[in-house]
PDB file of N, CA and C in Angstrom:
ATOM      1  N   MET A   1      30.560  11.504 -10.202  1.00  0.00           N
ATOM      2  CA  MET A   1      29.427  10.644 -10.427  1.00  0.00           C
ATOM      3  C   MET A   1      28.243  11.503 -10.875  1.00  0.00           C
ATOM      4  N   THR A   2      27.602  11.091 -11.930  1.00  0.00           N
ATOM      5  CA  THR A   2      26.475  11.820 -12.483  1.00  0.00           C
ATOM      6  C   THR A   2      25.172  11.220 -11.970  1.00  0.00           C
ATOM      7  N   ARG A   3      24.310  12.085 -11.496  1.00  0.00           N
ATOM      8  CA  ARG A   3      23.006  11.622 -11.010  1.00  0.00           C
ATOM      9  C   ARG A   3      21.952  11.910 -12.057  1.00  0.00           C
ATOM     10  N   THR A   4      21.060  10.988 -12.219  1.00  0.00           N
ATOM     11  CA  THR A   4      19.957  11.170 -13.155  1.00  0.00           C
ATOM     12  C   THR A   4      18.832  11.906 -12.442  1.00  0.00           C
ATOM     13  N   TRP A   5      18.329  12.943 -13.079  1.00  0.00           N
ATOM     14  CA  TRP A   5      17.254  13.725 -12.490  1.00  0.00           C
ATOM     15  C   TRP A   5      15.916  13.110 -12.870  1.00  0.00           C
ATOM     16  N   VAL A   6      15.088  12.882 -11.882  1.00  0.00           N
ATOM     17  CA  VAL A   6      13.747  12.340 -12.107  1.00  0.00           C
ATOM     18  C   VAL A   6      12.749  13.455 -11.823  1.00  0.00           C
ATOM     19  N   PRO A   7      11.866  13.744 -12.758  1.00  0.00           N
ATOM     20  CA  PRO A   7      10.863  14.787 -12.497  1.00  0.00           C
ATOM     21  C   PRO A   7      10.010  14.416 -11.286  1.00  0.00           C
ATOM     22  N   PRO A   8       9.709  15.368 -10.410  1.00  0.00           N
ATOM     23  CA  PRO A   8       8.944  15.055  -9.205  1.00  0.00           C
ATOM     24  C   PRO A   8       7.530  14.557  -9.491  1.00  0.00           C
ATOM     25  N   ALA A   9       7.037  14.800 -10.689  1.00  0.00           N
ATOM     26  CA  ALA A   9       5.694  14.317 -11.017  1.00  0.00           C
ATOM     27  C   ALA A   9       5.659  12.795 -11.099  1.00  0.00           C
ATOM     28  N   LEU A  10       6.762  12.171 -11.480  1.00  0.00           N
ATOM     29  CA  LEU A  10       6.788  10.711 -11.615  1.00  0.00           C
ATOM     30  C   LEU A  10       6.545   9.992 -10.286  1.00  0.00           C
ATOM     31  N   PRO A  11       7.326  10.277  -9.229  1.00  0.00           N
ATOM     32  CA  PRO A  11       7.029   9.598  -7.963  1.00  0.00           C
ATOM     33  C   PRO A  11       5.685  10.005  -7.369  1.00  0.00           C
ATOM     34  N   MET A  12       5.241  11.230  -7.652  1.00  0.00           N
ATOM     35  CA  MET A  12       3.938  11.659  -7.135  1.00  0.00           C
ATOM     36  C   MET A  12       2.811  10.858  -7.782  1.00  0.00           C
ATOM     37  N   VAL A  13       2.887  10.669  -9.086  1.00  0.00           N
ATOM     38  CA  VAL A  13       1.881   9.863  -9.783  1.00  0.00           C
ATOM     39  C   VAL A  13       1.945   8.417  -9.299  1.00  0.00           C
ATOM     40  N   ALA A  14       3.161   7.905  -9.095  1.00  0.00           N
ATOM     41  CA  ALA A  14       3.307   6.537  -8.585  1.00  0.00           C
ATOM     42  C   ALA A  14       2.669   6.409  -7.207  1.00  0.00           C
ATOM     43  N   CYS A  15       2.874   7.405  -6.356  1.00  0.00           N
ATOM     44  CA  CYS A  15       2.257   7.381  -5.021  1.00  0.00           C
ATOM     45  C   CYS A  15       0.736   7.375  -5.116  1.00  0.00           C
ATOM     46  N   LEU A  16       0.198   8.210  -5.983  1.00  0.00           N
ATOM     47  CA  LEU A  16      -1.260   8.273  -6.118  1.00  0.00           C
ATOM     48  C   LEU A  16      -1.836   6.967  -6.653  1.00  0.00           C
ATOM     49  N   LEU A  17      -1.163   6.369  -7.632  1.00  0.00           N
ATOM     50  CA  LEU A  17      -1.646   5.096  -8.180  1.00  0.00           C
ATOM     51  C   LEU A  17      -1.553   3.974  -7.144  1.00  0.00           C
ATOM     52  N   LEU A  18      -0.436   3.910  -6.423  1.00  0.00           N
ATOM     53  CA  LEU A  18      -0.291   2.870  -5.400  1.00  0.00           C
ATOM     54  C   LEU A  18      -1.267   3.092  -4.246  1.00  0.00           C
ATOM     55  N   ALA A  19      -1.513   4.350  -3.892  1.00  0.00           N
ATOM     56  CA  ALA A  19      -2.499   4.640  -2.843  1.00  0.00           C
ATOM     57  C   ALA A  19      -3.891   4.218  -3.289  1.00  0.00           C
ATOM     58  N   GLY A  20      -4.213   4.464  -4.546  1.00  0.00           N
ATOM     59  CA  GLY A  20      -5.505   4.023  -5.076  1.00  0.00           C
ATOM     60  C   GLY A  20      -5.636   2.513  -5.076  1.00  0.00           C
ATOM     61  N   LEU A  21      -4.571   1.829  -5.469  1.00  0.00           N
ATOM     62  CA  LEU A  21      -4.578   0.361  -5.451  1.00  0.00           C
ATOM     63  C   LEU A  21      -4.754  -0.157  -4.036  1.00  0.00           C
ATOM     64  N   TRP A  22      -4.025   0.420  -3.090  1.00  0.00           N
ATOM     65  CA  TRP A  22      -4.141  -0.018  -1.701  1.00  0.00           C
ATOM     66  C   TRP A  22      -5.551   0.261  -1.171  1.00  0.00           C
ATOM     67  N   GLY A  23      -6.077   1.452  -1.453  1.00  0.00           N
ATOM     68  CA  GLY A  23      -7.406   1.807  -0.957  1.00  0.00           C
ATOM     69  C   GLY A  23      -8.499   0.914  -1.511  1.00  0.00           C
ATOM     70  N   MET A  24      -8.449   0.645  -2.808  1.00  0.00           N
ATOM     71  CA  MET A  24      -9.461  -0.232  -3.404  1.00  0.00           C
ATOM     72  C   MET A  24      -9.316  -1.661  -2.878  1.00  0.00           C
ATOM     73  N   SER A  25      -8.093  -2.092  -2.680  1.00  0.00           N
ATOM     74  CA  SER A  25      -7.878  -3.444  -2.163  1.00  0.00           C
ATOM     75  C   SER A  25      -8.414  -3.576  -0.751  1.00  0.00           C
ATOM     76  N   THR A  26      -8.214  -2.563   0.051  1.00  0.00           N
ATOM     77  CA  THR A  26      -8.607  -2.639   1.456  1.00  0.00           C
ATOM     78  C   THR A  26     -10.084  -2.325   1.663  1.00  0.00           C
ATOM     79  N   PHE A  27     -10.554  -1.219   1.111  1.00  0.00           N
ATOM     80  CA  PHE A  27     -11.898  -0.740   1.431  1.00  0.00           C
ATOM     81  C   PHE A  27     -12.978  -1.228   0.474  1.00  0.00           C
ATOM     82  N   ASP A  28     -12.610  -1.666  -0.715  1.00  0.00           N
ATOM     83  CA  ASP A  28     -13.614  -2.141  -1.666  1.00  0.00           C
ATOM     84  C   ASP A  28     -13.734  -3.664  -1.654  1.00  0.00           C
ATOM     85  N   GLY A  29     -12.932  -4.326  -0.832  1.00  0.00           N
ATOM     86  CA  GLY A  29     -13.050  -5.767  -0.682  1.00  0.00           C
ATOM     87  C   GLY A  29     -12.291  -6.596  -1.701  1.00  0.00           C
ATOM     88  N   TRP A  30     -11.370  -5.987  -2.431  1.00  0.00           N
ATOM     89  CA  TRP A  30     -10.607  -6.758  -3.412  1.00  0.00           C
ATOM     90  C   TRP A  30      -9.785  -7.850  -2.738  1.00  0.00           C
ATOM     91  N   VAL A  31      -9.209  -7.541  -1.589  1.00  0.00           N
ATOM     92  CA  VAL A  31      -8.391  -8.527  -0.876  1.00  0.00           C
ATOM     93  C   VAL A  31      -9.271  -9.666  -0.382  1.00  0.00           C
ATOM     94  N   GLN A  32     -10.422  -9.337   0.143  1.00  0.00           N
ATOM     95  CA  GLN A  32     -11.356 -10.362   0.628  1.00  0.00           C
ATOM     96  C   GLN A  32     -11.774 -11.293  -0.504  1.00  0.00           C
ATOM     97  N   ASN A  33     -12.106 -10.728  -1.650  1.00  0.00           N
ATOM     98  CA  ASN A  33     -12.519 -11.547  -2.793  1.00  0.00           C
ATOM     99  C   ASN A  33     -11.372 -12.376  -3.337  1.00  0.00           C
ATOM    100  N   ALA A  34     -10.181 -11.827  -3.315  1.00  0.00           N
ATOM    101  CA  ALA A  34      -9.038 -12.528  -3.899  1.00  0.00           C
ATOM    102  C   ALA A  34      -8.566 -13.688  -3.037  1.00  0.00           C
ATOM    103  N   PHE A  35      -8.585 -13.529  -1.728  1.00  0.00           N
ATOM    104  CA  PHE A  35      -7.952 -14.529  -0.876  1.00  0.00           C
ATOM    105  C   PHE A  35      -8.922 -15.357  -0.045  1.00  0.00           C
ATOM    106  N   CYS A  36     -10.149 -14.903   0.152  1.00  0.00           N
ATOM    107  CA  CYS A  36     -11.062 -15.645   1.027  1.00  0.00           C
ATOM    108  C   CYS A  36     -12.354 -16.074   0.351  1.00  0.00           C
ATOM    109  N   SER A  37     -12.503 -15.876  -0.943  1.00  0.00           N
ATOM    110  CA  SER A  37     -13.778 -16.194  -1.583  1.00  0.00           C
ATOM    111  C   SER A  37     -14.031 -17.693  -1.666  1.00  0.00           C
ATOM    112  N   GLY A  38     -12.996 -18.485  -1.870  1.00  0.00           N
ATOM    113  CA  GLY A  38     -13.187 -19.920  -2.001  1.00  0.00           C
ATOM    114  C   GLY A  38     -12.871 -20.697  -0.738  1.00  0.00           C
ATOM    115  N   ALA A  39     -12.566 -19.999   0.342  1.00  0.00           N
ATOM    116  CA  ALA A  39     -12.188 -20.677   1.586  1.00  0.00           C
ATOM    117  C   ALA A  39     -13.403 -21.350   2.211  1.00  0.00           C
ATOM    118  N   SER A  40     -13.147 -22.494   2.851  1.00  0.00           N
ATOM    119  CA  SER A  40     -14.242 -23.231   3.477  1.00  0.00           C
ATOM    120  C   SER A  40     -14.817 -22.457   4.661  1.00  0.00           C
ATOM    121  N   SER A  41     -13.972 -21.834   5.448  1.00  0.00           N
ATOM    122  CA  SER A  41     -14.469 -21.011   6.556  1.00  0.00           C
ATOM    123  C   SER A  41     -14.088 -19.563   6.268  1.00  0.00           C
ATOM    124  N   SER A  42     -14.912 -18.907   5.477  1.00  0.00           N
ATOM    125  CA  SER A  42     -14.586 -17.549   5.043  1.00  0.00           C
ATOM    126  C   SER A  42     -14.644 -16.540   6.192  1.00  0.00           C
ATOM    127  N   LEU A  43     -15.421 -16.828   7.231  1.00  0.00           N
ATOM    128  CA  LEU A  43     -15.454 -15.920   8.379  1.00  0.00           C
ATOM    129  C   LEU A  43     -14.119 -15.911   9.103  1.00  0.00           C
ATOM    130  N   GLU A  44     -13.550 -17.088   9.290  1.00  0.00           N
ATOM    131  CA  GLU A  44     -12.247 -17.195   9.941  1.00  0.00           C
ATOM    132  C   GLU A  44     -11.173 -16.523   9.094  1.00  0.00           C
ATOM    133  N   CYS A  45     -11.235 -16.758   7.791  1.00  0.00           N
ATOM    134  CA  CYS A  45     -10.282 -16.141   6.872  1.00  0.00           C
ATOM    135  C   CYS A  45     -10.430 -14.624   6.890  1.00  0.00           C
ATOM    136  N   GLY A  46     -11.656 -14.146   6.940  1.00  0.00           N
ATOM    137  CA  GLY A  46     -11.902 -12.706   6.988  1.00  0.00           C
ATOM    138  C   GLY A  46     -11.355 -12.064   8.246  1.00  0.00           C
ATOM    139  N   ASP A  47     -11.455 -12.775   9.380  1.00  0.00           N
ATOM    140  CA  ASP A  47     -10.906 -12.251  10.629  1.00  0.00           C
ATOM    141  C   ASP A  47      -9.388 -12.133  10.556  1.00  0.00           C
ATOM    142  N   ARG A  48      -8.750 -13.161  10.014  1.00  0.00           N
ATOM    143  CA  ARG A  48      -7.286 -13.108   9.872  1.00  0.00           C
ATOM    144  C   ARG A  48      -6.882 -12.028   8.877  1.00  0.00           C
ATOM    145  N   LEU A  49      -7.664 -11.866   7.831  1.00  0.00           N
ATOM    146  CA  LEU A  49      -7.365 -10.850   6.825  1.00  0.00           C
ATOM    147  C   LEU A  49      -7.555  -9.440   7.388  1.00  0.00           C
ATOM    148  N   ALA A  50      -8.453  -9.280   8.350  1.00  0.00           N
ATOM    149  CA  ALA A  50      -8.631  -7.979   9.000  1.00  0.00           C
ATOM    150  C   ALA A  50      -7.369  -7.579   9.756  1.00  0.00           C
ATOM    151  N   LEU A  51      -6.701  -8.547  10.370  1.00  0.00           N
ATOM    152  CA  LEU A  51      -5.441  -8.265  11.055  1.00  0.00           C
ATOM    153  C   LEU A  51      -4.373  -7.832  10.055  1.00  0.00           C
ATOM    154  N   VAL A  52      -4.313  -8.515   8.918  1.00  0.00           N
ATOM    155  CA  VAL A  52      -3.351  -8.155   7.872  1.00  0.00           C
ATOM    156  C   VAL A  52      -3.639  -6.744   7.360  1.00  0.00           C
ATOM    157  N   SER A  53      -4.897  -6.418   7.171  1.00  0.00           N
ATOM    158  CA  SER A  53      -5.269  -5.077   6.698  1.00  0.00           C
ATOM    159  C   SER A  53      -4.905  -4.006   7.717  1.00  0.00           C
ATOM    160  N   THR A  54      -5.027  -4.325   8.992  1.00  0.00           N
ATOM    161  CA  THR A  54      -4.665  -3.371  10.037  1.00  0.00           C
ATOM    162  C   THR A  54      -3.169  -3.090  10.030  1.00  0.00           C
ATOM    163  N   VAL A  55      -2.368  -4.135   9.892  1.00  0.00           N
ATOM    164  CA  VAL A  55      -0.914  -3.951   9.819  1.00  0.00           C
ATOM    165  C   VAL A  55      -0.559  -3.136   8.580  1.00  0.00           C
ATOM    166  N   SER A  56      -1.186  -3.459   7.467  1.00  0.00           N
ATOM    167  CA  SER A  56      -0.934  -2.729   6.230  1.00  0.00           C
ATOM    168  C   SER A  56      -1.388  -1.275   6.346  1.00  0.00           C
ATOM    169  N   ALA A  57      -2.435  -1.021   7.108  1.00  0.00           N
ATOM    170  CA  ALA A  57      -2.918   0.351   7.287  1.00  0.00           C
ATOM    171  C   ALA A  57      -1.897   1.203   8.028  1.00  0.00           C
ATOM    172  N   GLY A  58      -1.168   0.609   8.955  1.00  0.00           N
ATOM    173  CA  GLY A  58      -0.105   1.350   9.639  1.00  0.00           C
ATOM    174  C   GLY A  58       0.983   1.794   8.677  1.00  0.00           C
ATOM    175  N   VAL A  59       1.368   0.894   7.780  1.00  0.00           N
ATOM    176  CA  VAL A  59       2.371   1.235   6.771  1.00  0.00           C
ATOM    177  C   VAL A  59       1.805   2.273   5.806  1.00  0.00           C
ATOM    178  N   ALA A  60       0.531   2.123   5.445  1.00  0.00           N
ATOM    179  CA  ALA A  60      -0.103   3.073   4.526  1.00  0.00           C
ATOM    180  C   ALA A  60      -0.232   4.458   5.162  1.00  0.00           C
ATOM    181  N   LEU A  61      -0.461   4.513   6.457  1.00  0.00           N
ATOM    182  CA  LEU A  61      -0.515   5.801   7.150  1.00  0.00           C
ATOM    183  C   LEU A  61       0.832   6.510   7.053  1.00  0.00           C
ATOM    184  N   PHE A  62       1.906   5.763   7.296  1.00  0.00           N
ATOM    185  CA  PHE A  62       3.250   6.326   7.142  1.00  0.00           C
ATOM    186  C   PHE A  62       3.485   6.778   5.704  1.00  0.00           C
ATOM    187  N   ALA A  63       3.059   5.961   4.750  1.00  0.00           N
ATOM    188  CA  ALA A  63       3.242   6.297   3.336  1.00  0.00           C
ATOM    189  C   ALA A  63       2.462   7.551   2.966  1.00  0.00           C
ATOM    190  N   GLY A  64       1.248   7.663   3.456  1.00  0.00           N
ATOM    191  CA  GLY A  64       0.441   8.843   3.166  1.00  0.00           C
ATOM    192  C   GLY A  64       1.026  10.110   3.762  1.00  0.00           C
ATOM    193  N   MET A  65       1.523  10.012   4.990  1.00  0.00           N
ATOM    194  CA  MET A  65       2.144  11.175   5.617  1.00  0.00           C
ATOM    195  C   MET A  65       3.429  11.566   4.891  1.00  0.00           C
ATOM    196  N   THR A  66       4.194  10.583   4.464  1.00  0.00           N
ATOM    197  CA  THR A  66       5.427  10.863   3.734  1.00  0.00           C
ATOM    198  C   THR A  66       5.122  11.461   2.367  1.00  0.00           C
ATOM    199  N   THR A  67       4.078  10.969   1.713  1.00  0.00           N
ATOM    200  CA  THR A  67       3.669  11.536   0.426  1.00  0.00           C
ATOM    201  C   THR A  67       3.273  12.999   0.588  1.00  0.00           C
ATOM    202  N   ALA A  68       2.468  13.284   1.592  1.00  0.00           N
ATOM    203  CA  ALA A  68       2.031  14.664   1.819  1.00  0.00           C
ATOM    204  C   ALA A  68       3.211  15.571   2.163  1.00  0.00           C
ATOM    205  N   ALA A  69       4.093  15.099   3.023  1.00  0.00           N
ATOM    206  CA  ALA A  69       5.254  15.916   3.402  1.00  0.00           C
ATOM    207  C   ALA A  69       6.174  16.158   2.211  1.00  0.00           C
ATOM    208  N   GLY A  70       6.366  15.147   1.388  1.00  0.00           N
ATOM    209  CA  GLY A  70       7.217  15.309   0.210  1.00  0.00           C
ATOM    210  C   GLY A  70       6.610  16.238  -0.816  1.00  0.00           C
ATOM    211  N   TRP A  71       5.297  16.183  -0.956  1.00  0.00           N
ATOM    212  CA  TRP A  71       4.623  17.032  -1.938  1.00  0.00           C
ATOM    213  C   TRP A  71       4.551  18.481  -1.457  1.00  0.00           C
ATOM    214  N   ILE A  72       4.149  18.671  -0.204  1.00  0.00           N
ATOM    215  CA  ILE A  72       4.018  20.029   0.331  1.00  0.00           C
ATOM    216  C   ILE A  72       5.385  20.699   0.450  1.00  0.00           C
ATOM    217  N   GLY A  73       6.368  19.945   0.934  1.00  0.00           N
ATOM    218  CA  GLY A  73       7.700  20.507   1.110  1.00  0.00           C
ATOM    219  C   GLY A  73       8.564  20.466  -0.135  1.00  0.00           C
ATOM    220  N   ARG A  74       8.027  19.912  -1.212  1.00  0.00           N
ATOM    221  CA  ARG A  74       8.776  19.770  -2.477  1.00  0.00           C
ATOM    222  C   ARG A  74      10.116  19.082  -2.252  1.00  0.00           C
ATOM    223  N   ARG A  75      10.049  17.960  -1.534  1.00  0.00           N
ATOM    224  CA  ARG A  75      11.257  17.187  -1.240  1.00  0.00           C
ATOM    225  C   ARG A  75      11.186  15.878  -2.000  1.00  0.00           C
ATOM    226  N   ASP A  76      12.006  15.796  -3.032  1.00  0.00           N
ATOM    227  CA  ASP A  76      12.003  14.624  -3.900  1.00  0.00           C
ATOM    228  C   ASP A  76      12.451  13.366  -3.167  1.00  0.00           C
ATOM    229  N   ASP A  77      13.363  13.520  -2.208  1.00  0.00           N
ATOM    230  CA  ASP A  77      13.831  12.344  -1.478  1.00  0.00           C
ATOM    231  C   ASP A  77      12.702  11.713  -0.661  1.00  0.00           C
ATOM    232  N   LEU A  78      11.824  12.538  -0.106  1.00  0.00           N
ATOM    233  CA  LEU A  78      10.685  11.993   0.642  1.00  0.00           C
ATOM    234  C   LEU A  78       9.692  11.295  -0.273  1.00  0.00           C
ATOM    235  N   LEU A  79       9.550  11.788  -1.492  1.00  0.00           N
ATOM    236  CA  LEU A  79       8.648  11.120  -2.432  1.00  0.00           C
ATOM    237  C   LEU A  79       9.174   9.738  -2.795  1.00  0.00           C
ATOM    238  N   GLY A  80      10.476   9.585  -2.882  1.00  0.00           N
ATOM    239  CA  GLY A  80      11.057   8.261  -3.119  1.00  0.00           C
ATOM    240  C   GLY A  80      10.781   7.312  -1.965  1.00  0.00           C
ATOM    241  N   VAL A  81      10.906   7.830  -0.746  1.00  0.00           N
ATOM    242  CA  VAL A  81      10.588   7.024   0.441  1.00  0.00           C
ATOM    243  C   VAL A  81       9.104   6.666   0.450  1.00  0.00           C
ATOM    244  N   ALA A  82       8.262   7.603   0.030  1.00  0.00           N
ATOM    245  CA  ALA A  82       6.816   7.358   0.004  1.00  0.00           C
ATOM    246  C   ALA A  82       6.456   6.259  -0.989  1.00  0.00           C
ATOM    247  N   VAL A  83       7.085   6.270  -2.160  1.00  0.00           N
ATOM    248  CA  VAL A  83       6.825   5.206  -3.145  1.00  0.00           C
ATOM    249  C   VAL A  83       7.206   3.854  -2.556  1.00  0.00           C
ATOM    250  N   ALA A  84       8.367   3.795  -1.906  1.00  0.00           N
ATOM    251  CA  ALA A  84       8.796   2.536  -1.285  1.00  0.00           C
ATOM    252  C   ALA A  84       7.820   2.102  -0.192  1.00  0.00           C
ATOM    253  N   ALA A  85       7.325   3.052   0.594  1.00  0.00           N
ATOM    254  CA  ALA A  85       6.379   2.716   1.664  1.00  0.00           C
ATOM    255  C   ALA A  85       5.053   2.210   1.095  1.00  0.00           C
ATOM    256  N   TRP A  86       4.574   2.808   0.003  1.00  0.00           N
ATOM    257  CA  TRP A  86       3.338   2.309  -0.620  1.00  0.00           C
ATOM    258  C   TRP A  86       3.541   0.901  -1.157  1.00  0.00           C
ATOM    259  N   LEU A  87       4.718   0.642  -1.725  1.00  0.00           N
ATOM    260  CA  LEU A  87       5.002  -0.714  -2.209  1.00  0.00           C
ATOM    261  C   LEU A  87       4.997  -1.716  -1.056  1.00  0.00           C
ATOM    262  N   VAL A  88       5.537  -1.310   0.091  1.00  0.00           N
ATOM    263  CA  VAL A  88       5.529  -2.194   1.264  1.00  0.00           C
ATOM    264  C   VAL A  88       4.094  -2.417   1.746  1.00  0.00           C
ATOM    265  N   ALA A  89       3.274  -1.369   1.769  1.00  0.00           N
ATOM    266  CA  ALA A  89       1.881  -1.507   2.221  1.00  0.00           C
ATOM    267  C   ALA A  89       1.105  -2.475   1.332  1.00  0.00           C
ATOM    268  N   VAL A  90       1.276  -2.353   0.017  1.00  0.00           N
ATOM    269  CA  VAL A  90       0.599  -3.269  -0.908  1.00  0.00           C
ATOM    270  C   VAL A  90       1.187  -4.670  -0.774  1.00  0.00           C
ATOM    271  N   GLY A  91       2.491  -4.753  -0.573  1.00  0.00           N
ATOM    272  CA  GLY A  91       3.140  -6.055  -0.398  1.00  0.00           C
ATOM    273  C   GLY A  91       2.674  -6.774   0.853  1.00  0.00           C
ATOM    274  N   VAL A  92       2.457  -6.030   1.928  1.00  0.00           N
ATOM    275  CA  VAL A  92       1.945  -6.640   3.163  1.00  0.00           C
ATOM    276  C   VAL A  92       0.567  -7.239   2.918  1.00  0.00           C
ATOM    277  N   LEU A  93      -0.285  -6.528   2.172  1.00  0.00           N
ATOM    278  CA  LEU A  93      -1.605  -7.079   1.845  1.00  0.00           C
ATOM    279  C   LEU A  93      -1.482  -8.365   1.037  1.00  0.00           C
ATOM    280  N   PHE A  94      -0.601  -8.363   0.041  1.00  0.00           N
ATOM    281  CA  PHE A  94      -0.462  -9.528  -0.830  1.00  0.00           C
ATOM    282  C   PHE A  94       0.124 -10.722  -0.080  1.00  0.00           C
ATOM    283  N   VAL A  95       1.243 -10.514   0.592  1.00  0.00           N
ATOM    284  CA  VAL A  95       1.886 -11.622   1.314  1.00  0.00           C
ATOM    285  C   VAL A  95       1.003 -12.089   2.469  1.00  0.00           C
ATOM    286  N   GLY A  96       0.383 -11.148   3.178  1.00  0.00           N
ATOM    287  CA  GLY A  96      -0.524 -11.526   4.257  1.00  0.00           C
ATOM    288  C   GLY A  96      -1.738 -12.276   3.753  1.00  0.00           C
ATOM    289  N   GLY A  97      -2.256 -11.875   2.592  1.00  0.00           N
ATOM    290  CA  GLY A  97      -3.388 -12.589   2.002  1.00  0.00           C
ATOM    291  C   GLY A  97      -3.038 -14.013   1.631  1.00  0.00           C
ATOM    292  N   ILE A  98      -1.846 -14.201   1.104  1.00  0.00           N
ATOM    293  CA  ILE A  98      -1.403 -15.562   0.783  1.00  0.00           C
ATOM    294  C   ILE A  98      -1.238 -16.377   2.062  1.00  0.00           C
ATOM    295  N   ALA A  99      -0.735 -15.739   3.112  1.00  0.00           N
ATOM    296  CA  ALA A  99      -0.502 -16.453   4.369  1.00  0.00           C
ATOM    297  C   ALA A  99      -1.802 -16.880   5.048  1.00  0.00           C
ATOM    298  N   VAL A 100      -2.869 -16.103   4.919  1.00  0.00           N
ATOM    299  CA  VAL A 100      -4.111 -16.446   5.618  1.00  0.00           C
ATOM    300  C   VAL A 100      -4.959 -17.462   4.874  1.00  0.00           C
ATOM    301  N   GLN A 101      -4.627 -17.759   3.645  1.00  0.00           N
ATOM    302  CA  GLN A 101      -5.440 -18.714   2.874  1.00  0.00           C
ATOM    303  C   GLN A 101      -5.457 -20.064   3.501  1.00  0.00           C
TER     304      GLN A 101
END
């Protein structure tokens, strides 16, 4: 069986882009504007969205640690896990945002 080699820069760039997307969504208020701007009780929606952001932050912490370990240790397999973890962190924000509307 032949394996395709992926340059380590590709998953690293993907991790950085997904981390930037997650950070801007969480800390710059993109999630709040996207899911709670038109809600009748935006304070209640914001409280529920804070819980979603907290859960997503746990996944993002794991993703960040995995990204750092994969980059420092030059382990391509960890970078693949990190990309998947960043996708889960962003997915939790999106699905959780839809759920709190």
